[in-house]
Every structure is written in C-alpha cells, then in structure tokens.
mmCIF file of all heavy atoms, coordinates in Angstrom:
data_MODEL
# 
_entry.id   MODEL 
# 
loop_
_atom_site.group_PDB 
_atom_site.id 
_atom_site.type_symbol 
_atom_site.label_atom_id 
_atom_site.label_alt_id 
_atom_site.label_comp_id 
_atom_site.label_asym_id 
_atom_site.label_entity_id 
_atom_site.label_seq_id 
_atom_site.pdbx_PDB_ins_code 
_atom_site.Cartn_x 
_atom_site.Cartn_y 
_atom_site.Cartn_z 
_atom_site.occupancy 
_atom_site.B_iso_or_equiv 
_atom_site.pdbx_formal_charge 
_atom_site.auth_seq_id 
_atom_site.auth_comp_id 
_atom_site.auth_asym_id 
_atom_site.auth_atom_id 
_atom_site.pdbx_PDB_model_num 
ATOM 1   N N   . ASN A 1 1  ? 10.394  -2.843 -22.668 1.00 0.00 ? 1  ASN A N   1 
ATOM 2   C CA  . ASN A 1 1  ? 10.221  -1.712 -23.607 1.00 0.00 ? 1  ASN A CA  1 
ATOM 3   C C   . ASN A 1 1  ? 8.747   -1.205 -23.583 1.00 0.00 ? 1  ASN A C   1 
ATOM 4   O O   . ASN A 1 1  ? 8.078   -1.140 -24.588 1.00 0.00 ? 1  ASN A O   1 
ATOM 5   C CB  . ASN A 1 1  ? 10.579  -2.184 -25.022 1.00 0.00 ? 1  ASN A CB  1 
ATOM 6   C CG  . ASN A 1 1  ? 11.035  -0.999 -25.885 1.00 0.00 ? 1  ASN A CG  1 
ATOM 7   O OD1 . ASN A 1 1  ? 10.776  0.153  -25.546 1.00 0.00 ? 1  ASN A OD1 1 
ATOM 8   N ND2 . ASN A 1 1  ? 11.666  -1.320 -26.997 1.00 0.00 ? 1  ASN A ND2 1 
ATOM 9   N N   . THR A 1 2  ? 8.353   -0.780 -22.392 1.00 0.00 ? 2  THR A N   1 
ATOM 10  C CA  . THR A 1 2  ? 6.978   -0.361 -22.218 1.00 0.00 ? 2  THR A CA  1 
ATOM 11  C C   . THR A 1 2  ? 6.632   0.954  -22.988 1.00 0.00 ? 2  THR A C   1 
ATOM 12  O O   . THR A 1 2  ? 5.518   1.157  -23.339 1.00 0.00 ? 2  THR A O   1 
ATOM 13  C CB  . THR A 1 2  ? 6.668   -0.177 -20.712 1.00 0.00 ? 2  THR A CB  1 
ATOM 14  O OG1 . THR A 1 2  ? 7.652   0.749  -20.185 1.00 0.00 ? 2  THR A OG1 1 
ATOM 15  C CG2 . THR A 1 2  ? 6.815   -1.497 -19.955 1.00 0.00 ? 2  THR A CG2 1 
ATOM 16  N N   . SER A 1 3  ? 7.656   1.744  -23.249 1.00 0.00 ? 3  SER A N   1 
ATOM 17  C CA  . SER A 1 3  ? 7.439   2.986  -24.028 1.00 0.00 ? 3  SER A CA  1 
ATOM 18  C C   . SER A 1 3  ? 6.985   2.630  -25.447 1.00 0.00 ? 3  SER A C   1 
ATOM 19  O O   . SER A 1 3  ? 6.132   3.279  -26.010 1.00 0.00 ? 3  SER A O   1 
ATOM 20  C CB  . SER A 1 3  ? 8.673   3.816  -24.069 1.00 0.00 ? 3  SER A CB  1 
ATOM 21  O OG  . SER A 1 3  ? 9.023   4.272  -22.774 1.00 0.00 ? 3  SER A OG  1 
ATOM 22  N N   . THR A 1 4  ? 7.634   1.564  -25.973 1.00 0.00 ? 4  THR A N   1 
ATOM 23  C CA  . THR A 1 4  ? 7.242   1.152  -27.342 1.00 0.00 ? 4  THR A CA  1 
ATOM 24  C C   . THR A 1 4  ? 5.856   0.557  -27.334 1.00 0.00 ? 4  THR A C   1 
ATOM 25  O O   . THR A 1 4  ? 5.089   0.766  -28.331 1.00 0.00 ? 4  THR A O   1 
ATOM 26  C CB  . THR A 1 4  ? 8.238   0.091  -27.856 1.00 0.00 ? 4  THR A CB  1 
ATOM 27  O OG1 . THR A 1 4  ? 9.524   0.724  -28.007 1.00 0.00 ? 4  THR A OG1 1 
ATOM 28  C CG2 . THR A 1 4  ? 7.822   -0.486 -29.205 1.00 0.00 ? 4  THR A CG2 1 
ATOM 29  N N   . LEU A 1 5  ? 5.487   -0.157 -26.299 1.00 0.00 ? 5  LEU A N   1 
ATOM 30  C CA  . LEU A 1 5  ? 4.072   -0.611 -26.178 1.00 0.00 ? 5  LEU A CA  1 
ATOM 31  C C   . LEU A 1 5  ? 3.089   0.499  -26.301 1.00 0.00 ? 5  LEU A C   1 
ATOM 32  O O   . LEU A 1 5  ? 2.103   0.443  -27.056 1.00 0.00 ? 5  LEU A O   1 
ATOM 33  C CB  . LEU A 1 5  ? 3.893   -1.408 -24.872 1.00 0.00 ? 5  LEU A CB  1 
ATOM 34  C CG  . LEU A 1 5  ? 2.463   -1.673 -24.484 1.00 0.00 ? 5  LEU A CG  1 
ATOM 35  C CD1 . LEU A 1 5  ? 1.715   -2.480 -25.541 1.00 0.00 ? 5  LEU A CD1 1 
ATOM 36  C CD2 . LEU A 1 5  ? 2.422   -2.394 -23.121 1.00 0.00 ? 5  LEU A CD2 1 
ATOM 37  N N   . LEU A 1 6  ? 3.342   1.588  -25.600 1.00 0.00 ? 6  LEU A N   1 
ATOM 38  C CA  . LEU A 1 6  ? 2.399   2.722  -25.628 1.00 0.00 ? 6  LEU A CA  1 
ATOM 39  C C   . LEU A 1 6  ? 2.388   3.366  -27.024 1.00 0.00 ? 6  LEU A C   1 
ATOM 40  O O   . LEU A 1 6  ? 1.369   3.806  -27.501 1.00 0.00 ? 6  LEU A O   1 
ATOM 41  C CB  . LEU A 1 6  ? 2.805   3.753  -24.575 1.00 0.00 ? 6  LEU A CB  1 
ATOM 42  C CG  . LEU A 1 6  ? 2.673   3.275  -23.143 1.00 0.00 ? 6  LEU A CG  1 
ATOM 43  C CD1 . LEU A 1 6  ? 3.054   4.400  -22.183 1.00 0.00 ? 6  LEU A CD1 1 
ATOM 44  C CD2 . LEU A 1 6  ? 1.266   2.784  -22.835 1.00 0.00 ? 6  LEU A CD2 1 
ATOM 45  N N   . LEU A 1 7  ? 3.554   3.412  -27.712 1.00 0.00 ? 7  LEU A N   1 
ATOM 46  C CA  . LEU A 1 7  ? 3.580   3.892  -29.065 1.00 0.00 ? 7  LEU A CA  1 
ATOM 47  C C   . LEU A 1 7  ? 2.750   3.011  -29.961 1.00 0.00 ? 7  LEU A C   1 
ATOM 48  O O   . LEU A 1 7  ? 2.034   3.477  -30.866 1.00 0.00 ? 7  LEU A O   1 
ATOM 49  C CB  . LEU A 1 7  ? 5.023   3.985  -29.551 1.00 0.00 ? 7  LEU A CB  1 
ATOM 50  C CG  . LEU A 1 7  ? 5.899   5.091  -28.911 1.00 0.00 ? 7  LEU A CG  1 
ATOM 51  C CD1 . LEU A 1 7  ? 7.329   4.926  -29.434 1.00 0.00 ? 7  LEU A CD1 1 
ATOM 52  C CD2 . LEU A 1 7  ? 5.370   6.471  -29.289 1.00 0.00 ? 7  LEU A CD2 1 
ATOM 53  N N   . ASN A 1 8  ? 2.795   1.705  -29.760 1.00 0.00 ? 8  ASN A N   1 
ATOM 54  C CA  . ASN A 1 8  ? 2.022   0.769  -30.557 1.00 0.00 ? 8  ASN A CA  1 
ATOM 55  C C   . ASN A 1 8  ? 0.541   1.041  -30.419 1.00 0.00 ? 8  ASN A C   1 
ATOM 56  O O   . ASN A 1 8  ? -0.205  0.778  -31.376 1.00 0.00 ? 8  ASN A O   1 
ATOM 57  C CB  . ASN A 1 8  ? 2.298   -0.652 -30.096 1.00 0.00 ? 8  ASN A CB  1 
ATOM 58  C CG  . ASN A 1 8  ? 3.708   -1.184 -30.458 1.00 0.00 ? 8  ASN A CG  1 
ATOM 59  O OD1 . ASN A 1 8  ? 4.383   -0.576 -31.249 1.00 0.00 ? 8  ASN A OD1 1 
ATOM 60  N ND2 . ASN A 1 8  ? 4.090   -2.274 -29.861 1.00 0.00 ? 8  ASN A ND2 1 
ATOM 61  N N   . MET A 1 9  ? 0.130   1.534  -29.291 1.00 0.00 ? 9  MET A N   1 
ATOM 62  C CA  . MET A 1 9  ? -1.284  1.778  -29.028 1.00 0.00 ? 9  MET A CA  1 
ATOM 63  C C   . MET A 1 9  ? -1.832  3.009  -29.762 1.00 0.00 ? 9  MET A C   1 
ATOM 64  O O   . MET A 1 9  ? -3.022  3.201  -29.901 1.00 0.00 ? 9  MET A O   1 
ATOM 65  C CB  . MET A 1 9  ? -1.555  1.880  -27.561 1.00 0.00 ? 9  MET A CB  1 
ATOM 66  C CG  . MET A 1 9  ? -1.372  0.577  -26.817 1.00 0.00 ? 9  MET A CG  1 
ATOM 67  S SD  . MET A 1 9  ? -1.737  0.703  -25.003 1.00 0.00 ? 9  MET A SD  1 
ATOM 68  C CE  . MET A 1 9  ? -3.547  0.937  -25.109 1.00 0.00 ? 9  MET A CE  1 
ATOM 69  N N   . ALA A 1 10 ? -0.896  3.910  -30.181 1.00 0.00 ? 10 ALA A N   1 
ATOM 70  C CA  . ALA A 1 10 ? -1.276  5.135  -30.888 1.00 0.00 ? 10 ALA A CA  1 
ATOM 71  C C   . ALA A 1 10 ? -2.418  5.839  -30.131 1.00 0.00 ? 10 ALA A C   1 
ATOM 72  O O   . ALA A 1 10 ? -3.482  6.134  -30.682 1.00 0.00 ? 10 ALA A O   1 
ATOM 73  C CB  . ALA A 1 10 ? -1.721  4.799  -32.316 1.00 0.00 ? 10 ALA A CB  1 
ATOM 74  N N   . ILE A 1 11 ? -2.152  6.165  -28.903 1.00 0.00 ? 11 ILE A N   1 
ATOM 75  C CA  . ILE A 1 11 ? -3.173  6.753  -28.022 1.00 0.00 ? 11 ILE A CA  1 
ATOM 76  C C   . ILE A 1 11 ? -3.459  8.240  -28.460 1.00 0.00 ? 11 ILE A C   1 
ATOM 77  O O   . ILE A 1 11 ? -2.557  9.036  -28.552 1.00 0.00 ? 11 ILE A O   1 
ATOM 78  C CB  . ILE A 1 11 ? -2.744  6.720  -26.573 1.00 0.00 ? 11 ILE A CB  1 
ATOM 79  C CG1 . ILE A 1 11 ? -2.624  5.273  -26.104 1.00 0.00 ? 11 ILE A CG1 1 
ATOM 80  C CG2 . ILE A 1 11 ? -3.703  7.492  -25.647 1.00 0.00 ? 11 ILE A CG2 1 
ATOM 81  C CD1 . ILE A 1 11 ? -2.008  5.067  -24.727 1.00 0.00 ? 11 ILE A CD1 1 
ATOM 82  N N   . ASP A 1 12 ? -4.761  8.485  -28.681 1.00 0.00 ? 12 ASP A N   1 
ATOM 83  C CA  . ASP A 1 12 ? -5.223  9.847  -28.991 1.00 0.00 ? 12 ASP A CA  1 
ATOM 84  C C   . ASP A 1 12 ? -5.546  10.561 -27.703 1.00 0.00 ? 12 ASP A C   1 
ATOM 85  O O   . ASP A 1 12 ? -5.953  9.967  -26.696 1.00 0.00 ? 12 ASP A O   1 
ATOM 86  C CB  . ASP A 1 12 ? -6.448  9.802  -29.907 1.00 0.00 ? 12 ASP A CB  1 
ATOM 87  C CG  . ASP A 1 12 ? -6.094  9.291  -31.277 1.00 0.00 ? 12 ASP A CG  1 
ATOM 88  O OD1 . ASP A 1 12 ? -4.977  9.548  -31.775 1.00 0.00 ? 12 ASP A OD1 1 
ATOM 89  O OD2 . ASP A 1 12 ? -6.963  8.579  -31.874 1.00 0.00 ? 12 ASP A OD2 1 
ATOM 90  N N   . PRO A 1 13 ? -5.463  11.911 -27.709 1.00 0.00 ? 13 PRO A N   1 
ATOM 91  C CA  . PRO A 1 13 ? -5.775  12.671 -26.494 1.00 0.00 ? 13 PRO A CA  1 
ATOM 92  C C   . PRO A 1 13 ? -7.158  12.436 -25.897 1.00 0.00 ? 13 PRO A C   1 
ATOM 93  O O   . PRO A 1 13 ? -7.348  12.541 -24.719 1.00 0.00 ? 13 PRO A O   1 
ATOM 94  C CB  . PRO A 1 13 ? -5.635  14.150 -26.953 1.00 0.00 ? 13 PRO A CB  1 
ATOM 95  C CG  . PRO A 1 13 ? -4.666  14.077 -28.099 1.00 0.00 ? 13 PRO A CG  1 
ATOM 96  C CD  . PRO A 1 13 ? -4.980  12.760 -28.795 1.00 0.00 ? 13 PRO A CD  1 
ATOM 97  N N   . GLU A 1 14 ? -8.114  12.091 -26.760 1.00 0.00 ? 14 GLU A N   1 
ATOM 98  C CA  . GLU A 1 14 ? -9.494  11.926 -26.279 1.00 0.00 ? 14 GLU A CA  1 
ATOM 99  C C   . GLU A 1 14 ? -9.877  10.418 -26.139 1.00 0.00 ? 14 GLU A C   1 
ATOM 100 O O   . GLU A 1 14 ? -11.058 10.121 -25.869 1.00 0.00 ? 14 GLU A O   1 
ATOM 101 C CB  . GLU A 1 14 ? -10.469 12.603 -27.237 1.00 0.00 ? 14 GLU A CB  1 
ATOM 102 C CG  . GLU A 1 14 ? -10.253 14.118 -27.284 1.00 0.00 ? 14 GLU A CG  1 
ATOM 103 C CD  . GLU A 1 14 ? -11.247 14.813 -28.212 1.00 0.00 ? 14 GLU A CD  1 
ATOM 104 O OE1 . GLU A 1 14 ? -12.000 14.098 -28.908 1.00 0.00 ? 14 GLU A OE1 1 
ATOM 105 O OE2 . GLU A 1 14 ? -11.273 16.057 -28.199 1.00 0.00 ? 14 GLU A OE2 1 
ATOM 106 N N   . ASP A 1 15 ? -8.935  9.517  -26.220 1.00 0.00 ? 15 ASP A N   1 
ATOM 107 C CA  . ASP A 1 15 ? -9.231  8.098  -26.095 1.00 0.00 ? 15 ASP A CA  1 
ATOM 108 C C   . ASP A 1 15 ? -9.789  7.752  -24.699 1.00 0.00 ? 15 ASP A C   1 
ATOM 109 O O   . ASP A 1 15 ? -9.405  8.279  -23.676 1.00 0.00 ? 15 ASP A O   1 
ATOM 110 C CB  . ASP A 1 15 ? -7.997  7.249  -26.339 1.00 0.00 ? 15 ASP A CB  1 
ATOM 111 C CG  . ASP A 1 15 ? -7.789  6.886  -27.760 1.00 0.00 ? 15 ASP A CG  1 
ATOM 112 O OD1 . ASP A 1 15 ? -8.740  7.086  -28.567 1.00 0.00 ? 15 ASP A OD1 1 
ATOM 113 O OD2 . ASP A 1 15 ? -6.704  6.369  -28.132 1.00 0.00 ? 15 ASP A OD2 1 
ATOM 114 N N   . ILE A 1 16 ? -10.726 6.797  -24.719 1.00 0.00 ? 16 ILE A N   1 
ATOM 115 C CA  . ILE A 1 16 ? -11.238 6.170  -23.509 1.00 0.00 ? 16 ILE A CA  1 
ATOM 116 C C   . ILE A 1 16 ? -10.723 4.746  -23.498 1.00 0.00 ? 16 ILE A C   1 
ATOM 117 O O   . ILE A 1 16 ? -10.992 3.960  -24.369 1.00 0.00 ? 16 ILE A O   1 
ATOM 118 C CB  . ILE A 1 16 ? -12.800 6.203  -23.465 1.00 0.00 ? 16 ILE A CB  1 
ATOM 119 C CG1 . ILE A 1 16 ? -13.289 7.639  -23.505 1.00 0.00 ? 16 ILE A CG1 1 
ATOM 120 C CG2 . ILE A 1 16 ? -13.306 5.505  -22.193 1.00 0.00 ? 16 ILE A CG2 1 
ATOM 121 C CD1 . ILE A 1 16 ? -14.787 7.774  -23.590 1.00 0.00 ? 16 ILE A CD1 1 
ATOM 122 N N   . ILE A 1 17 ? -9.918  4.433  -22.521 1.00 0.00 ? 17 ILE A N   1 
ATOM 123 C CA  . ILE A 1 17 ? -9.146  3.193  -22.457 1.00 0.00 ? 17 ILE A CA  1 
ATOM 124 C C   . ILE A 1 17 ? -9.344  2.496  -21.163 1.00 0.00 ? 17 ILE A C   1 
ATOM 125 O O   . ILE A 1 17 ? -9.386  3.121  -20.093 1.00 0.00 ? 17 ILE A O   1 
ATOM 126 C CB  . ILE A 1 17 ? -7.670  3.467  -22.701 1.00 0.00 ? 17 ILE A CB  1 
ATOM 127 C CG1 . ILE A 1 17 ? -7.419  4.258  -23.948 1.00 0.00 ? 17 ILE A CG1 1 
ATOM 128 C CG2 . ILE A 1 17 ? -6.848  2.162  -22.698 1.00 0.00 ? 17 ILE A CG2 1 
ATOM 129 C CD1 . ILE A 1 17 ? -5.978  4.746  -24.098 1.00 0.00 ? 17 ILE A CD1 1 
ATOM 130 N N   . ALA A 1 18 ? -9.483  1.162  -21.182 1.00 0.00 ? 18 ALA A N   1 
ATOM 131 C CA  . ALA A 1 18 ? -9.505  0.362  -19.968 1.00 0.00 ? 18 ALA A CA  1 
ATOM 132 C C   . ALA A 1 18 ? -8.286  -0.504 -19.880 1.00 0.00 ? 18 ALA A C   1 
ATOM 133 O O   . ALA A 1 18 ? -7.922  -1.209 -20.821 1.00 0.00 ? 18 ALA A O   1 
ATOM 134 C CB  . ALA A 1 18 ? -10.760 -0.540 -19.980 1.00 0.00 ? 18 ALA A CB  1 
ATOM 135 N N   . ASP A 1 19 ? -7.637  -0.451 -18.737 1.00 0.00 ? 19 ASP A N   1 
ATOM 136 C CA  . ASP A 1 19 ? -6.481  -1.296 -18.427 1.00 0.00 ? 19 ASP A CA  1 
ATOM 137 C C   . ASP A 1 19 ? -7.084  -2.390 -17.541 1.00 0.00 ? 19 ASP A C   1 
ATOM 138 O O   . ASP A 1 19 ? -7.343  -2.167 -16.384 1.00 0.00 ? 19 ASP A O   1 
ATOM 139 C CB  . ASP A 1 19 ? -5.400  -0.537 -17.732 1.00 0.00 ? 19 ASP A CB  1 
ATOM 140 C CG  . ASP A 1 19 ? -4.118  -1.393 -17.441 1.00 0.00 ? 19 ASP A CG  1 
ATOM 141 O OD1 . ASP A 1 19 ? -4.196  -2.598 -17.625 1.00 0.00 ? 19 ASP A OD1 1 
ATOM 142 O OD2 . ASP A 1 19 ? -3.089  -0.808 -17.150 1.00 0.00 ? 19 ASP A OD2 1 
ATOM 143 N N   . ILE A 1 20 ? -7.233  -3.590 -18.107 1.00 0.00 ? 20 ILE A N   1 
ATOM 144 C CA  . ILE A 1 20 ? -7.851  -4.688 -17.384 1.00 0.00 ? 20 ILE A CA  1 
ATOM 145 C C   . ILE A 1 20 ? -6.760  -5.489 -16.681 1.00 0.00 ? 20 ILE A C   1 
ATOM 146 O O   . ILE A 1 20 ? -5.816  -5.988 -17.334 1.00 0.00 ? 20 ILE A O   1 
ATOM 147 C CB  . ILE A 1 20 ? -8.636  -5.652 -18.341 1.00 0.00 ? 20 ILE A CB  1 
ATOM 148 C CG1 . ILE A 1 20 ? -9.578  -4.823 -19.218 1.00 0.00 ? 20 ILE A CG1 1 
ATOM 149 C CG2 . ILE A 1 20 ? -9.387  -6.699 -17.509 1.00 0.00 ? 20 ILE A CG2 1 
ATOM 150 C CD1 . ILE A 1 20 ? -10.616 -4.034 -18.508 1.00 0.00 ? 20 ILE A CD1 1 
ATOM 151 N N   . GLY A 1 21 ? -6.890  -5.615 -15.356 1.00 0.00 ? 21 GLY A N   1 
ATOM 152 C CA  . GLY A 1 21 ? -5.812  -6.190 -14.587 1.00 0.00 ? 21 GLY A CA  1 
ATOM 153 C C   . GLY A 1 21 ? -4.724  -5.145 -14.395 1.00 0.00 ? 21 GLY A C   1 
ATOM 154 O O   . GLY A 1 21 ? -3.513  -5.388 -14.648 1.00 0.00 ? 21 GLY A O   1 
ATOM 155 N N   . ALA A 1 22 ? -5.116  -3.930 -13.992 1.00 0.00 ? 22 ALA A N   1 
ATOM 156 C CA  . ALA A 1 22 ? -4.242  -2.778 -13.967 1.00 0.00 ? 22 ALA A CA  1 
ATOM 157 C C   . ALA A 1 22 ? -3.124  -2.893 -12.935 1.00 0.00 ? 22 ALA A C   1 
ATOM 158 O O   . ALA A 1 22 ? -2.150  -2.164 -13.019 1.00 0.00 ? 22 ALA A O   1 
ATOM 159 C CB  . ALA A 1 22 ? -5.047  -1.528 -13.700 1.00 0.00 ? 22 ALA A CB  1 
ATOM 160 N N   . GLY A 1 23 ? -3.272  -3.780 -11.983 1.00 0.00 ? 23 GLY A N   1 
ATOM 161 C CA  . GLY A 1 23 ? -2.245  -3.941 -10.967 1.00 0.00 ? 23 GLY A CA  1 
ATOM 162 C C   . GLY A 1 23 ? -2.016  -2.634 -10.162 1.00 0.00 ? 23 GLY A C   1 
ATOM 163 O O   . GLY A 1 23 ? -2.929  -2.048 -9.650  1.00 0.00 ? 23 GLY A O   1 
ATOM 164 N N   . SER A 1 24 ? -0.762  -2.268 -10.083 1.00 0.00 ? 24 SER A N   1 
ATOM 165 C CA  . SER A 1 24 ? -0.403  -1.088 -9.314  1.00 0.00 ? 24 SER A CA  1 
ATOM 166 C C   . SER A 1 24 ? -0.523  0.202  -10.132 1.00 0.00 ? 24 SER A C   1 
ATOM 167 O O   . SER A 1 24 ? -0.266  1.299  -9.595  1.00 0.00 ? 24 SER A O   1 
ATOM 168 C CB  . SER A 1 24 ? 1.038   -1.210 -8.844  1.00 0.00 ? 24 SER A CB  1 
ATOM 169 O OG  . SER A 1 24 ? 1.944   -1.370 -9.935  1.00 0.00 ? 24 SER A OG  1 
ATOM 170 N N   . GLY A 1 25 ? -0.960  0.080  -11.360 1.00 0.00 ? 25 GLY A N   1 
ATOM 171 C CA  . GLY A 1 25 ? -1.186  1.267  -12.205 1.00 0.00 ? 25 GLY A CA  1 
ATOM 172 C C   . GLY A 1 25 ? 0.005   1.638  -13.091 1.00 0.00 ? 25 GLY A C   1 
ATOM 173 O O   . GLY A 1 25 ? 0.071   2.783  -13.549 1.00 0.00 ? 25 GLY A O   1 
ATOM 174 N N   . TYR A 1 26 ? 0.961   0.742  -13.246 1.00 0.00 ? 26 TYR A N   1 
ATOM 175 C CA  . TYR A 1 26 ? 2.183   1.059  -13.980 1.00 0.00 ? 26 TYR A CA  1 
ATOM 176 C C   . TYR A 1 26 ? 1.852   1.683  -15.371 1.00 0.00 ? 26 TYR A C   1 
ATOM 177 O O   . TYR A 1 26 ? 2.444   2.676  -15.779 1.00 0.00 ? 26 TYR A O   1 
ATOM 178 C CB  . TYR A 1 26 ? 3.026   -0.213 -14.159 1.00 0.00 ? 26 TYR A CB  1 
ATOM 179 C CG  . TYR A 1 26 ? 4.351   -0.005 -14.866 1.00 0.00 ? 26 TYR A CG  1 
ATOM 180 C CD1 . TYR A 1 26 ? 5.459   0.383  -14.185 1.00 0.00 ? 26 TYR A CD1 1 
ATOM 181 C CD2 . TYR A 1 26 ? 4.443   -0.170 -16.263 1.00 0.00 ? 26 TYR A CD2 1 
ATOM 182 C CE1 . TYR A 1 26 ? 6.684   0.590  -14.835 1.00 0.00 ? 26 TYR A CE1 1 
ATOM 183 C CE2 . TYR A 1 26 ? 5.644   0.001  -16.942 1.00 0.00 ? 26 TYR A CE2 1 
ATOM 184 C CZ  . TYR A 1 26 ? 6.747   0.402  -16.200 1.00 0.00 ? 26 TYR A CZ  1 
ATOM 185 O OH  . TYR A 1 26 ? 7.942   0.574  -16.864 1.00 0.00 ? 26 TYR A OH  1 
# 
C-alpha cells in the first residue's frame, strides 16, 4: 500500500525530501 505511505507523509509541493537507500527509485 505504497500510495497510503505517501499520503501519510503529507508531502507539500515545496518539500525537500531525502530517500535514504533509494534503491531503484520506486
């Protein structure tokens, strides 16, 4: 349920985010 994970993050349009261990970029 990766879509729900992103909703949990409440990402704003101007957010600066680091994906640590990003792998293939999923």
